[in-house]
Amino acid sequence: CEMRGNALDKKSNYEVLEKDVGLRRFFPKSLLDSVKAKNLRKMIQQTFRQFANLNREESILKFFEILSPVYRFDKECFKCALGSSWIISVELAIGPEEGISYLTDKGSNPTHLADFHQVQTIQYSTNEDKDRKGMLQMKIAGAPEVNWLMFLLGRQEEQANSFCRFYE
């Protein structure tokens, strides 16, 4: 629904939002308790005016710009095991800043495996009969050997497929 920039300037429109929808759906209780209603109304109106004239694409970009410091939506993490014969439990991190990296511990620094352009091939296979594990094999340009990632089937299998789609 499209709203004009001054839609919340009318007291009646703001009251409908406040009483029928409820400000608690949009703001934390601590904010509602700590800011006077009149000041909160003015802040909402000022903010609404800043964004009211943005078109749909600009609104989406602004939303992601505001969201990005709070939540990394451009990075995915997967629990898996690194290696084929010897196994190290890792969390695989995939994103534009990390490329393809892994962490061995929560507090550790990521170890960089590859950038996306270095990945030459990806193969995925499953072993449902034996131990319900999936294997992802990556050939990375310049790496002395193939990298193996092992996932438990189920949710991780979906994640491995997501990883393959992410790469493509």
C-alpha atoms as a PDB file:
ATOM      1  CA  CYS A   1       0.000   0.000   0.000  1.00  0.00           C
ATOM      2  CA  GLU A   2       1.353   3.407  -0.992  1.00  0.00           C
ATOM      3  CA  MET A   3       1.298   6.202   1.600  1.00  0.00           C
ATOM      4  CA  ARG A   4       2.068   9.874   1.105  1.00  0.00           C
ATOM      5  CA  GLY A   5       4.913  11.457   3.049  1.00  0.00           C
ATOM      6  CA  ASN A   6       2.502  13.341   5.284  1.00  0.00           C
ATOM      7  CA  ALA A   7       0.207  10.372   6.003  1.00  0.00           C
ATOM      8  CA  LEU A   8       1.185  10.238   9.675  1.00  0.00           C
ATOM      9  CA  ASP A   9       1.029  14.026  10.174  1.00  0.00           C
ATOM     10  CA  LYS A  10      -2.696  13.794  10.850  1.00  0.00           C
ATOM     11  CA  LYS A  11      -3.316  12.921  14.454  1.00  0.00           C
ATOM     12  CA  SER A  12      -6.137  10.548  13.501  1.00  0.00           C
ATOM     13  CA  ASN A  13      -3.862   8.432  11.239  1.00  0.00           C
ATOM     14  CA  TYR A  14      -1.254   8.137  13.965  1.00  0.00           C
ATOM     15  CA  GLU A  15      -3.913   7.217  16.532  1.00  0.00           C
ATOM     16  CA  VAL A  16      -5.232   4.458  14.260  1.00  0.00           C
ATOM     17  CA  LEU A  17      -1.706   3.087  13.999  1.00  0.00           C
ATOM     18  CA  GLU A  18      -1.202   3.410  17.747  1.00  0.00           C
ATOM     19  CA  LYS A  19      -4.543   1.991  18.911  1.00  0.00           C
ATOM     20  CA  ASP A  20      -5.641  -0.453  16.196  1.00  0.00           C
ATOM     21  CA  VAL A  21      -2.277  -1.904  15.163  1.00  0.00           C
ATOM     22  CA  GLY A  22      -0.264  -1.152  18.275  1.00  0.00           C
ATOM     23  CA  LEU A  23       3.172   0.408  18.478  1.00  0.00           C
ATOM     24  CA  ARG A  24       4.396  -2.584  20.484  1.00  0.00           C
ATOM     25  CA  ARG A  25       4.413  -4.563  17.209  1.00  0.00           C
ATOM     26  CA  PHE A  26       7.095  -2.224  15.851  1.00  0.00           C
ATOM     27  CA  PHE A  27       9.089  -1.030  18.863  1.00  0.00           C
ATOM     28  CA  PRO A  28      10.574  -2.720  21.933  1.00  0.00           C
ATOM     29  CA  LYS A  29       8.783  -2.191  25.245  1.00  0.00           C
ATOM     30  CA  SER A  30      11.882  -0.504  26.696  1.00  0.00           C
ATOM     31  CA  LEU A  31      11.655   2.245  24.041  1.00  0.00           C
ATOM     32  CA  LEU A  32       7.918   2.720  24.501  1.00  0.00           C
ATOM     33  CA  ASP A  33       8.426   2.997  28.272  1.00  0.00           C
ATOM     34  CA  SER A  34      11.372   5.395  28.108  1.00  0.00           C
ATOM     35  CA  VAL A  35      10.218   7.920  25.475  1.00  0.00           C
ATOM     36  CA  LYS A  36       7.273  10.261  25.977  1.00  0.00           C
ATOM     37  CA  ALA A  37       4.397   9.532  23.606  1.00  0.00           C
ATOM     38  CA  LYS A  38       4.542  13.008  22.051  1.00  0.00           C
ATOM     39  CA  ASN A  39       8.295  12.742  21.367  1.00  0.00           C
ATOM     40  CA  LEU A  40       7.916   9.236  19.958  1.00  0.00           C
ATOM     41  CA  ARG A  41       5.179  10.447  17.630  1.00  0.00           C
ATOM     42  CA  LYS A  42       7.429  13.266  16.355  1.00  0.00           C
ATOM     43  CA  MET A  43      10.347  10.864  15.810  1.00  0.00           C
ATOM     44  CA  ILE A  44       8.108   8.427  13.893  1.00  0.00           C
ATOM     45  CA  GLN A  45       6.733  11.228  11.723  1.00  0.00           C
ATOM     46  CA  GLN A  46      10.225  12.587  10.948  1.00  0.00           C
ATOM     47  CA  THR A  47      11.516   9.158  10.033  1.00  0.00           C
ATOM     48  CA  PHE A  48       8.449   8.384   7.938  1.00  0.00           C
ATOM     49  CA  ARG A  49       8.946  11.629   5.976  1.00  0.00           C
ATOM     50  CA  GLN A  50      12.568  10.615   5.212  1.00  0.00           C
ATOM     51  CA  PHE A  51      11.483   7.368   3.564  1.00  0.00           C
ATOM     52  CA  ALA A  52       8.055   8.224   2.170  1.00  0.00           C
ATOM     53  CA  ASN A  53       9.312   9.474  -1.190  1.00  0.00           C
ATOM     54  CA  LEU A  54      11.516   6.473  -1.953  1.00  0.00           C
ATOM     55  CA  ASN A  55      10.381   4.210  -4.767  1.00  0.00           C
ATOM     56  CA  ARG A  56      10.070   0.454  -4.237  1.00  0.00           C
ATOM     57  CA  GLU A  57      13.673  -0.375  -5.229  1.00  0.00           C
ATOM     58  CA  GLU A  58      15.102   2.461  -3.123  1.00  0.00           C
ATOM     59  CA  SER A  59      13.037   1.271  -0.149  1.00  0.00           C
ATOM     60  CA  ILE A  60      14.408  -2.257  -0.455  1.00  0.00           C
ATOM     61  CA  LEU A  61      17.990  -1.014  -0.741  1.00  0.00           C
ATOM     62  CA  LYS A  62      17.487   1.273   2.266  1.00  0.00           C
ATOM     63  CA  PHE A  63      16.051  -1.638   4.268  1.00  0.00           C
ATOM     64  CA  PHE A  64      19.109  -3.803   3.566  1.00  0.00           C
ATOM     65  CA  GLU A  65      21.415  -0.881   4.311  1.00  0.00           C
ATOM     66  CA  ILE A  66      19.781  -0.472   7.740  1.00  0.00           C
ATOM     67  CA  LEU A  67      19.702  -4.239   8.364  1.00  0.00           C
ATOM     68  CA  SER A  68      23.305  -5.022   7.374  1.00  0.00           C
ATOM     69  CA  PRO A  69      25.037  -3.802  10.577  1.00  0.00           C
ATOM     70  CA  VAL A  70      22.578  -5.855  12.654  1.00  0.00           C
ATOM     71  CA  TYR A  71      22.383  -9.123  10.682  1.00  0.00           C
ATOM     72  CA  ARG A  72      24.694 -10.666   8.072  1.00  0.00           C
ATOM     73  CA  PHE A  73      22.202 -11.796   5.413  1.00  0.00           C
ATOM     74  CA  ASP A  74      24.955 -12.236   2.826  1.00  0.00           C
ATOM     75  CA  LYS A  75      26.796 -14.981   4.746  1.00  0.00           C
ATOM     76  CA  GLU A  76      25.821 -18.599   5.370  1.00  0.00           C
ATOM     77  CA  CYS A  77      27.370 -21.008   7.861  1.00  0.00           C
ATOM     78  CA  PHE A  78      27.183 -24.801   7.762  1.00  0.00           C
ATOM     79  CA  LYS A  79      28.320 -27.366  10.327  1.00  0.00           C
ATOM     80  CA  CYS A  80      30.356 -30.053   8.603  1.00  0.00           C
ATOM     81  CA  ALA A  81      33.592 -32.020   8.759  1.00  0.00           C
ATOM     82  CA  LEU A  82      36.684 -31.229   6.758  1.00  0.00           C
ATOM     83  CA  GLY A  83      38.654 -34.147   5.300  1.00  0.00           C
ATOM     84  CA  SER A  84      37.953 -37.654   4.020  1.00  0.00           C
ATOM     85  CA  SER A  85      40.141 -40.008   6.068  1.00  0.00           C
ATOM     86  CA  TRP A  86      40.937 -37.749   9.033  1.00  0.00           C
ATOM     87  CA  ILE A  87      38.057 -35.545  10.056  1.00  0.00           C
ATOM     88  CA  ILE A  88      38.003 -32.085  11.656  1.00  0.00           C
ATOM     89  CA  SER A  89      34.639 -30.667  12.765  1.00  0.00           C
ATOM     90  CA  VAL A  90      34.295 -27.168  11.357  1.00  0.00           C
ATOM     91  CA  GLU A  91      31.768 -24.482  10.602  1.00  0.00           C
ATOM     92  CA  LEU A  92      31.952 -23.585   6.926  1.00  0.00           C
ATOM     93  CA  ALA A  93      31.389 -19.871   6.262  1.00  0.00           C
ATOM     94  CA  ILE A  94      30.413 -18.693   2.783  1.00  0.00           C
ATOM     95  CA  GLY A  95      29.979 -15.069   1.802  1.00  0.00           C
ATOM     96  CA  PRO A  96      31.360 -12.210  -0.279  1.00  0.00           C
ATOM     97  CA  GLU A  97      33.858 -11.134   2.401  1.00  0.00           C
ATOM     98  CA  GLU A  98      34.889 -14.660   3.480  1.00  0.00           C
ATOM     99  CA  GLY A  99      34.756 -16.433   0.162  1.00  0.00           C
ATOM    100  CA  ILE A 100      34.816 -20.068   1.323  1.00  0.00           C
ATOM    101  CA  SER A 101      36.320 -20.282   4.816  1.00  0.00           C
ATOM    102  CA  TYR A 102      36.019 -22.451   7.899  1.00  0.00           C
ATOM    103  CA  LEU A 103      36.265 -22.042  11.673  1.00  0.00           C
ATOM    104  CA  THR A 104      37.412 -24.805  13.992  1.00  0.00           C
ATOM    105  CA  ASP A 105      36.208 -23.008  17.156  1.00  0.00           C
ATOM    106  CA  LYS A 106      33.604 -20.314  17.757  1.00  0.00           C
ATOM    107  CA  GLY A 107      36.176 -17.721  18.814  1.00  0.00           C
ATOM    108  CA  SER A 108      38.811 -18.591  16.214  1.00  0.00           C
ATOM    109  CA  ASN A 109      39.686 -16.631  13.113  1.00  0.00           C
ATOM    110  CA  PRO A 110      38.389 -18.114   9.852  1.00  0.00           C
ATOM    111  CA  THR A 111      40.782 -20.109   7.696  1.00  0.00           C
ATOM    112  CA  HIS A 112      40.365 -19.141   4.058  1.00  0.00           C
ATOM    113  CA  LEU A 113      39.902 -22.098   1.687  1.00  0.00           C
ATOM    114  CA  ALA A 114      39.184 -20.295  -1.579  1.00  0.00           C
ATOM    115  CA  ASP A 115      37.528 -17.440  -3.373  1.00  0.00           C
ATOM    116  CA  PHE A 116      34.580 -18.378  -5.574  1.00  0.00           C
ATOM    117  CA  HIS A 117      36.473 -17.870  -8.831  1.00  0.00           C
ATOM    118  CA  GLN A 118      39.070 -20.448  -7.690  1.00  0.00           C
ATOM    119  CA  VAL A 119      36.524 -23.287  -7.466  1.00  0.00           C
ATOM    120  CA  GLN A 120      36.959 -25.437 -10.571  1.00  0.00           C
ATOM    121  CA  THR A 121      34.546 -28.304  -9.814  1.00  0.00           C
ATOM    122  CA  ILE A 122      32.067 -29.363  -7.153  1.00  0.00           C
ATOM    123  CA  GLN A 123      30.784 -32.921  -6.815  1.00  0.00           C
ATOM    124  CA  TYR A 124      28.254 -34.104  -4.269  1.00  0.00           C
ATOM    125  CA  SER A 125      27.491 -37.694  -3.332  1.00  0.00           C
ATOM    126  CA  THR A 126      25.509 -39.407  -0.591  1.00  0.00           C
ATOM    127  CA  ASN A 127      25.912 -42.618   1.356  1.00  0.00           C
ATOM    128  CA  GLU A 128      22.411 -43.161   2.753  1.00  0.00           C
ATOM    129  CA  ASP A 129      22.819 -46.892   3.450  1.00  0.00           C
ATOM    130  CA  LYS A 130      25.864 -46.826   5.652  1.00  0.00           C
ATOM    131  CA  ASP A 131      26.164 -43.739   7.845  1.00  0.00           C
ATOM    132  CA  ARG A 132      23.751 -41.235   6.253  1.00  0.00           C
ATOM    133  CA  LYS A 133      26.502 -38.832   5.256  1.00  0.00           C
ATOM    134  CA  GLY A 134      26.933 -36.662   2.226  1.00  0.00           C
ATOM    135  CA  MET A 135      30.288 -35.764   0.748  1.00  0.00           C
ATOM    136  CA  LEU A 136      31.053 -32.548  -1.073  1.00  0.00           C
ATOM    137  CA  GLN A 137      34.261 -32.594  -3.087  1.00  0.00           C
ATOM    138  CA  MET A 138      35.751 -29.294  -4.319  1.00  0.00           C
ATOM    139  CA  LYS A 139      38.659 -28.891  -6.695  1.00  0.00           C
ATOM    140  CA  ILE A 140      40.230 -25.491  -6.073  1.00  0.00           C
ATOM    141  CA  ALA A 141      42.698 -23.896  -8.498  1.00  0.00           C
ATOM    142  CA  GLY A 142      46.186 -23.874  -7.015  1.00  0.00           C
ATOM    143  CA  ALA A 143      45.340 -26.277  -4.157  1.00  0.00           C
ATOM    144  CA  PRO A 144      47.594 -29.350  -3.951  1.00  0.00           C
ATOM    145  CA  GLU A 145      44.662 -31.673  -3.241  1.00  0.00           C
ATOM    146  CA  VAL A 146      40.880 -31.900  -3.477  1.00  0.00           C
ATOM    147  CA  ASN A 147      38.963 -30.535  -0.482  1.00  0.00           C
ATOM    148  CA  TRP A 148      36.419 -32.865   1.110  1.00  0.00           C
ATOM    149  CA  LEU A 149      33.489 -31.679   3.212  1.00  0.00           C
ATOM    150  CA  MET A 150      31.258 -34.189   4.972  1.00  0.00           C
ATOM    151  CA  PHE A 151      27.641 -33.449   5.983  1.00  0.00           C
ATOM    152  CA  LEU A 152      25.082 -35.504   7.863  1.00  0.00           C
ATOM    153  CA  LEU A 153      22.112 -36.090   5.578  1.00  0.00           C
ATOM    154  CA  GLY A 154      18.943 -34.180   6.243  1.00  0.00           C
ATOM    155  CA  ARG A 155      19.250 -30.495   7.001  1.00  0.00           C
ATOM    156  CA  GLN A 156      22.957 -30.419   6.065  1.00  0.00           C
ATOM    157  CA  GLU A 157      22.199 -32.038   2.719  1.00  0.00           C
ATOM    158  CA  GLU A 158      19.930 -29.094   1.974  1.00  0.00           C
ATOM    159  CA  GLN A 159      22.720 -26.778   3.080  1.00  0.00           C
ATOM    160  CA  ALA A 160      25.213 -28.505   0.795  1.00  0.00           C
ATOM    161  CA  ASN A 161      22.791 -28.129  -2.093  1.00  0.00           C
ATOM    162  CA  SER A 162      22.392 -24.456  -1.141  1.00  0.00           C
ATOM    163  CA  PHE A 163      26.161 -24.155  -1.173  1.00  0.00           C
ATOM    164  CA  CYS A 164      26.278 -25.589  -4.685  1.00  0.00           C
ATOM    165  CA  ARG A 165      23.536 -23.197  -5.840  1.00  0.00           C
ATOM    166  CA  PHE A 166      25.349 -20.320  -4.092  1.00  0.00           C
ATOM    167  CA  TYR A 167      28.489 -21.172  -6.056  1.00  0.00           C
ATOM    168  CA  GLU A 168      26.670 -21.458  -9.389  1.00  0.00           C
END
